[in-house]
Amino acid sequence: MLLYAPTPRDWLATHGSVDLGGDGRWLSGPELVADGLRAAHARLCAEDVPSVPAAKWVVAWYAGGLAETVGFMLALADAAPLVDLGRTRWRQHPDGWPELVDPGPVPVVVPVGHPWAGRPDTFTAPDVAAVAVRALVAAAGEVVEVGRMLARVGRTALWAEVADGLGLPLLHRPELPVDQVAVERLRAALALPGVPWRKRPDLRADGGLYLGRKGGCCLSYQCPPDPEPDPATLDERDRAYRERFPPEPRAYCSTCSLRDLADCEERQRFWVASAPACGAADRSG
C-alpha cells in the first residue's frame, strides 16, 4: 500500500475523506435514482445551466464521485470497495451538490498477501481491478440510465464521466505519494475488457505530481459566462493564475479533453506550485 491504515474503513476515513458520521443531509442511492438526480438537474437548469451539461454534471457528481472513491483506494491501497448503489450515500452541500461520498459497509477486495487479507470485511481475488470495476459498472449504470433520460445525451457521453472519475482521482493532490505503480493500476482498470466507456483519461506521474486530462468533457463552456470578478476580491493565488492564463471566451476546465495535453499539465503544475504550503489543493475543474 502506498498509503497505510489498519482497516479499510479507517483508510477511507483517513485518506479518502469519507466522513463516517458528520452533520448534513445524506442522500442514499435509492433516493438518488428515484428523484435525487432529477431534482439536482432541475436545480441546475433553473440556474441557467443548459440541460445537457446539467445532465453530465449530475452524473459526474454522483456516479463519477463513486468511481473516484474506487479509483483512489485502488491506486493507493491496492484494494477497492465492492460498491453497491443500495449501500452508497452522498452528503449534500446546502447548495445542492454532493460534498462527500460514503460507499457504506461493503466488502473490500484485496490481492493475496495484502495487509488486510483475512479480515471479515475483505476477500481476496487474483485481479482486484476486475472485481471492483465490475461492481462499479453495475452501480454507476443505474445512475447513467437515469441521467440519459434527463436530457438529449447518450450513454457514451455519460460513461466518459464515470471513466474520468475512476482514472483521475489523484490530480490536484500534491500531498499524495507519487508512484508510477498507482498510475499503472488506474490505467489497467480503465482498459479492462468489456468496460462501457469508450474514452479514457490521460494520467501520468511526473516531477513529483500526478498530471492528467479527461477523456470526456463536462460541457461547462456551453454555460453562460460568469461576470468578471472585481480584481480587488481575488486572492494572490487566483490573481497569479489569471495573469499566467488570461480568461478565455469559453470556460474550459484545466483538465478538459478539448485542451492540448501540455496545456492541461502546465495549468495543473502552476496551480499546485502557486500554493506549496496549501496541502490538499483545489480539486475542481
Protein backbone atom coordinates (compact mmCIF):
# COMPACT_ATOMS: atom_id res chain seq x y z
CA MET A 1 0.00 0.00 0.00
CA LEU A 2 1.24 3.48 -0.86
CA LEU A 3 -0.91 4.88 1.96
CA TYR A 4 -1.49 2.70 5.03
CA ALA A 5 -4.33 2.30 7.54
CA PRO A 6 -5.12 -0.74 9.70
CA THR A 7 -8.61 -1.35 8.24
CA PRO A 8 -10.48 -0.42 5.08
CA ARG A 9 -12.90 1.89 6.90
CA ASP A 10 -10.00 3.59 8.67
CA TRP A 11 -8.35 4.01 5.28
CA LEU A 12 -11.42 5.64 3.76
CA ALA A 13 -11.88 7.93 6.75
CA THR A 14 -8.21 8.90 6.96
CA HIS A 15 -7.13 9.07 3.35
CA GLY A 16 -10.32 9.02 1.33
CA SER A 17 -12.05 11.95 3.05
CA VAL A 18 -15.07 9.80 3.85
CA ASP A 19 -16.95 11.20 6.84
CA LEU A 20 -18.47 8.18 8.56
CA GLY A 21 -20.81 10.38 10.57
CA GLY A 22 -20.99 14.12 10.35
CA ASP A 23 -23.77 16.60 10.00
CA GLY A 24 -25.74 17.45 6.93
CA ARG A 25 -28.32 15.75 4.77
CA TRP A 26 -27.38 12.38 3.33
CA LEU A 27 -28.84 11.09 0.07
CA SER A 28 -28.97 7.32 -0.42
CA GLY A 29 -28.50 5.51 -3.71
CA PRO A 30 -32.19 4.53 -3.97
CA GLU A 31 -33.20 8.13 -3.22
CA LEU A 32 -30.76 9.33 -5.86
CA VAL A 33 -32.20 7.26 -8.70
CA ALA A 34 -35.81 7.76 -7.55
CA ASP A 35 -35.74 11.55 -7.54
CA GLY A 36 -32.37 12.97 -6.44
CA LEU A 37 -30.79 13.15 -9.89
CA ARG A 38 -33.87 14.79 -11.38
CA ALA A 39 -34.01 17.33 -8.57
CA ALA A 40 -30.31 18.17 -8.97
CA HIS A 41 -30.72 18.51 -12.73
CA ALA A 42 -33.76 20.76 -12.36
CA ARG A 43 -31.91 22.96 -9.89
CA LEU A 44 -29.00 23.43 -12.29
CA CYS A 45 -31.32 24.21 -15.19
CA ALA A 46 -33.07 26.80 -13.01
CA GLU A 47 -29.64 28.41 -12.57
CA ASP A 48 -29.26 28.77 -16.37
CA VAL A 49 -27.11 25.69 -16.91
CA PRO A 50 -28.17 24.13 -20.25
CA SER A 51 -29.92 20.78 -19.96
CA VAL A 52 -27.20 18.57 -21.50
CA PRO A 53 -24.29 19.96 -19.42
CA ALA A 54 -26.52 19.74 -16.34
CA ALA A 55 -27.14 16.04 -17.02
CA LYS A 56 -23.42 15.42 -17.42
CA TRP A 57 -22.64 17.30 -14.22
CA VAL A 58 -25.04 15.34 -12.02
CA VAL A 59 -23.80 12.01 -13.39
CA ALA A 60 -20.21 13.16 -12.81
CA TRP A 61 -21.05 14.29 -9.28
CA TYR A 62 -22.66 11.03 -8.22
CA ALA A 63 -21.53 8.15 -10.44
CA GLY A 64 -18.19 9.84 -11.18
CA GLY A 65 -17.70 10.59 -7.49
CA LEU A 66 -18.32 6.95 -6.60
CA ALA A 67 -15.85 5.91 -9.32
CA GLU A 68 -13.31 8.33 -7.85
CA THR A 69 -13.63 6.64 -4.45
CA VAL A 70 -12.96 3.25 -6.06
CA GLY A 71 -10.03 4.54 -8.09
CA PHE A 72 -8.46 6.37 -5.18
CA MET A 73 -8.31 3.29 -2.98
CA LEU A 74 -7.28 1.06 -5.87
CA ALA A 75 -4.37 3.34 -6.79
CA LEU A 76 -3.02 3.95 -3.30
CA ALA A 77 -4.06 0.89 -1.28
CA ASP A 78 -4.10 -1.89 -3.90
CA ALA A 79 -7.65 -2.63 -2.74
CA ALA A 80 -11.13 -1.42 -3.62
CA PRO A 81 -14.62 -1.29 -2.13
CA LEU A 82 -17.15 -3.55 -3.81
CA VAL A 83 -19.60 -0.69 -4.28
CA ASP A 84 -23.33 -1.24 -4.23
CA LEU A 85 -25.72 1.60 -5.03
CA GLY A 86 -28.11 0.39 -2.36
CA ARG A 87 -25.48 0.96 0.35
CA THR A 88 -23.94 4.14 -1.02
CA ARG A 89 -24.82 7.57 0.28
CA TRP A 90 -23.76 11.12 -0.55
CA ARG A 91 -23.67 14.04 1.87
CA GLN A 92 -25.33 17.02 0.28
CA HIS A 93 -23.90 20.53 0.38
CA PRO A 94 -26.54 23.19 1.12
CA ASP A 95 -26.05 24.48 -2.43
CA GLY A 96 -27.23 21.16 -3.84
CA TRP A 97 -24.13 19.22 -4.84
CA PRO A 98 -22.57 16.18 -3.09
CA GLU A 99 -19.57 17.07 -0.95
CA LEU A 100 -18.80 13.57 0.34
CA VAL A 101 -19.47 10.02 -0.78
CA ASP A 102 -19.59 7.05 1.58
CA PRO A 103 -19.67 3.62 -0.11
CA GLY A 104 -21.07 2.14 3.10
CA PRO A 105 -20.23 -1.11 4.89
CA VAL A 106 -19.37 -3.08 1.76
CA PRO A 107 -16.69 -5.77 1.36
CA VAL A 108 -13.29 -4.66 0.12
CA VAL A 109 -11.45 -6.76 -2.43
CA VAL A 110 -7.70 -7.24 -1.91
CA PRO A 111 -4.98 -9.34 -3.52
CA VAL A 112 -3.45 -12.38 -1.83
CA GLY A 113 -0.85 -11.29 0.71
CA HIS A 114 -2.35 -7.84 1.25
CA PRO A 115 -2.15 -6.49 4.85
CA TRP A 116 -5.95 -6.60 5.03
CA ALA A 117 -6.29 -10.15 3.66
CA GLY A 118 -8.17 -12.44 6.03
CA ARG A 119 -10.24 -9.72 7.67
CA PRO A 120 -14.02 -10.38 7.84
CA ASP A 121 -14.70 -7.22 5.80
CA THR A 122 -12.39 -8.21 2.93
CA PHE A 123 -11.99 -11.02 0.42
CA THR A 124 -9.15 -11.87 -1.90
CA ALA A 125 -9.14 -12.06 -5.68
CA PRO A 126 -6.38 -12.53 -8.27
CA ASP A 127 -7.49 -9.41 -10.18
CA VAL A 128 -8.66 -6.71 -7.77
CA ALA A 129 -9.42 -4.17 -10.50
CA ALA A 130 -11.61 -6.55 -12.49
CA VAL A 131 -13.79 -7.37 -9.48
CA ALA A 132 -14.01 -3.75 -8.33
CA VAL A 133 -14.79 -2.33 -11.76
CA ARG A 134 -17.49 -4.91 -12.39
CA ALA A 135 -19.27 -3.77 -9.21
CA LEU A 136 -18.72 -0.10 -10.10
CA VAL A 137 -20.21 -0.54 -13.56
CA ALA A 138 -23.32 -2.15 -12.07
CA ALA A 139 -23.78 0.65 -9.54
CA ALA A 140 -22.91 3.53 -11.86
CA GLY A 141 -25.03 2.07 -14.64
CA GLU A 142 -28.20 2.80 -12.68
CA VAL A 143 -27.18 6.45 -12.41
CA VAL A 144 -26.22 6.66 -16.09
CA GLU A 145 -29.60 5.27 -17.17
CA VAL A 146 -31.46 7.91 -15.19
CA GLY A 147 -29.05 10.61 -16.40
CA ARG A 148 -29.69 9.88 -20.06
CA MET A 149 -33.42 10.47 -19.50
CA LEU A 150 -32.79 13.98 -18.21
CA ALA A 151 -31.57 15.46 -21.50
CA ARG A 152 -30.64 14.53 -25.04
CA VAL A 153 -27.37 12.94 -24.04
CA GLY A 154 -26.12 9.47 -24.83
CA ARG A 155 -24.62 6.73 -22.72
CA THR A 156 -21.19 7.23 -24.27
CA ALA A 157 -21.00 10.83 -23.06
CA LEU A 158 -22.18 9.90 -19.57
CA TRP A 159 -19.93 6.87 -19.18
CA ALA A 160 -16.99 9.13 -20.02
CA GLU A 161 -17.72 11.00 -16.77
CA VAL A 162 -17.53 7.72 -14.85
CA ALA A 163 -14.24 6.77 -16.51
CA ASP A 164 -12.78 10.18 -15.69
CA GLY A 165 -13.77 9.74 -12.05
CA LEU A 166 -12.12 6.33 -11.92
CA GLY A 167 -8.97 7.41 -13.73
CA LEU A 168 -8.21 10.86 -12.28
CA PRO A 169 -8.69 10.73 -8.50
CA LEU A 170 -5.06 11.72 -7.82
CA LEU A 171 -4.99 15.11 -9.53
CA HIS A 172 -4.54 18.36 -7.59
CA ARG A 173 -3.32 16.39 -4.56
CA PRO A 174 0.33 17.39 -4.00
CA GLU A 175 0.37 15.74 -0.57
CA LEU A 176 0.00 12.25 -2.05
CA PRO A 177 2.92 9.85 -2.57
CA VAL A 178 3.74 9.91 -6.29
CA ASP A 179 4.47 6.46 -7.67
CA GLN A 180 4.15 5.01 -11.14
CA VAL A 181 2.52 1.91 -9.70
CA ALA A 182 -0.56 3.99 -8.82
CA VAL A 183 -0.78 5.21 -12.42
CA GLU A 184 -0.46 1.68 -13.78
CA ARG A 185 -3.22 0.38 -11.50
CA LEU A 186 -5.63 3.00 -12.79
CA ARG A 187 -4.65 2.55 -16.41
CA ALA A 188 -5.21 -1.19 -16.12
CA ALA A 189 -8.63 -0.68 -14.53
CA LEU A 190 -9.71 1.69 -17.29
CA ALA A 191 -8.59 -0.72 -20.02
CA LEU A 192 -10.32 -3.86 -18.73
CA PRO A 193 -12.23 -5.86 -21.36
CA GLY A 194 -15.92 -5.13 -21.60
CA VAL A 195 -15.99 -1.75 -19.82
CA PRO A 196 -18.80 0.54 -21.06
CA TRP A 197 -16.69 3.66 -21.62
CA ARG A 198 -15.13 4.39 -25.00
CA LYS A 199 -12.93 7.26 -23.89
CA ARG A 200 -10.24 7.10 -21.23
CA PRO A 201 -8.44 9.92 -19.44
CA ASP A 202 -4.71 10.56 -19.64
CA LEU A 203 -2.74 10.18 -16.41
CA ARG A 204 0.95 10.21 -15.64
CA ALA A 205 3.35 10.81 -12.78
CA ASP A 206 5.99 13.43 -13.47
CA GLY A 207 8.07 15.82 -11.41
CA GLY A 208 6.56 14.77 -8.10
CA LEU A 209 2.97 15.32 -9.31
CA TYR A 210 0.15 13.42 -10.92
CA LEU A 211 -0.91 15.16 -14.13
CA GLY A 212 -3.83 14.37 -16.39
CA ARG A 213 -6.55 15.23 -18.86
CA LYS A 214 -10.12 13.99 -19.05
CA GLY A 215 -11.31 11.69 -21.78
CA GLY A 216 -14.75 13.30 -21.81
CA CYS A 217 -15.98 16.86 -21.45
CA CYS A 218 -18.39 18.32 -18.89
CA LEU A 219 -19.53 20.95 -21.45
CA SER A 220 -19.17 23.79 -18.95
CA TYR A 221 -18.05 26.01 -21.83
CA GLN A 222 -21.65 25.94 -23.08
CA CYS A 223 -22.86 27.74 -19.95
CA PRO A 224 -23.39 31.50 -19.86
CA PRO A 225 -20.08 33.13 -18.85
CA ASP A 226 -19.71 34.29 -15.28
CA PRO A 227 -19.26 38.03 -14.82
CA GLU A 228 -15.66 39.14 -14.47
CA PRO A 229 -14.76 39.38 -10.77
CA ASP A 230 -13.60 42.58 -9.18
CA PRO A 231 -9.77 42.28 -9.11
CA ALA A 232 -9.83 43.54 -5.53
CA THR A 233 -11.76 40.43 -4.46
CA LEU A 234 -9.18 37.96 -5.86
CA ASP A 235 -6.60 36.40 -3.60
CA GLU A 236 -2.94 36.33 -4.61
CA ARG A 237 -3.14 32.80 -5.99
CA ASP A 238 -6.15 33.49 -8.21
CA ARG A 239 -4.60 36.73 -9.42
CA ALA A 240 -1.36 34.95 -10.36
CA TYR A 241 -3.27 32.23 -12.21
CA ARG A 242 -5.32 34.72 -14.19
CA GLU A 243 -2.19 36.64 -15.13
CA ARG A 244 -0.48 33.47 -16.33
CA PHE A 245 -3.59 32.11 -18.05
CA PRO A 246 -5.85 35.03 -19.05
CA PRO A 247 -9.60 34.33 -19.12
CA GLU A 248 -10.83 32.79 -22.37
CA PRO A 249 -14.05 33.37 -24.31
CA ARG A 250 -15.12 29.85 -23.38
CA ALA A 251 -14.64 28.34 -19.93
CA TYR A 252 -12.65 25.15 -20.42
CA CYS A 253 -11.53 23.24 -17.30
CA SER A 254 -7.85 22.72 -16.52
CA THR A 255 -8.37 19.02 -17.30
CA CYS A 256 -10.59 19.48 -20.35
CA SER A 257 -10.28 16.99 -23.19
CA LEU A 258 -10.67 19.93 -25.60
CA ARG A 259 -7.37 21.37 -24.40
CA ASP A 260 -3.97 20.25 -25.57
CA LEU A 261 -2.49 17.81 -23.05
CA ALA A 262 0.55 20.02 -22.48
CA ASP A 263 -1.73 22.98 -21.75
CA CYS A 264 -3.64 20.95 -19.15
CA GLU A 265 -0.43 19.85 -17.47
CA GLU A 266 1.03 23.36 -17.43
CA ARG A 267 -2.08 24.72 -15.73
CA GLN A 268 -2.04 21.97 -13.14
CA ARG A 269 1.65 22.48 -12.38
CA PHE A 270 1.16 26.21 -11.97
CA TRP A 271 -1.86 25.82 -9.67
CA VAL A 272 -0.02 23.44 -7.35
CA ALA A 273 3.24 25.40 -7.42
CA SER A 274 1.45 28.64 -6.55
CA ALA A 275 0.43 27.22 -3.16
CA PRO A 276 3.25 24.95 -1.93
CA ALA A 277 2.03 25.14 1.67
CA CYS A 278 -1.65 24.51 0.97
CA GLY A 279 -1.61 20.72 1.36
CA ALA A 280 -4.61 19.37 -0.49
CA ALA A 281 -5.22 21.73 -3.35
CA ASP A 282 -8.46 22.69 -5.02
CA ARG A 283 -9.86 19.65 -6.85
CA SER A 284 -12.33 21.48 -9.04
CA GLY A 285 -12.18 21.65 -12.79
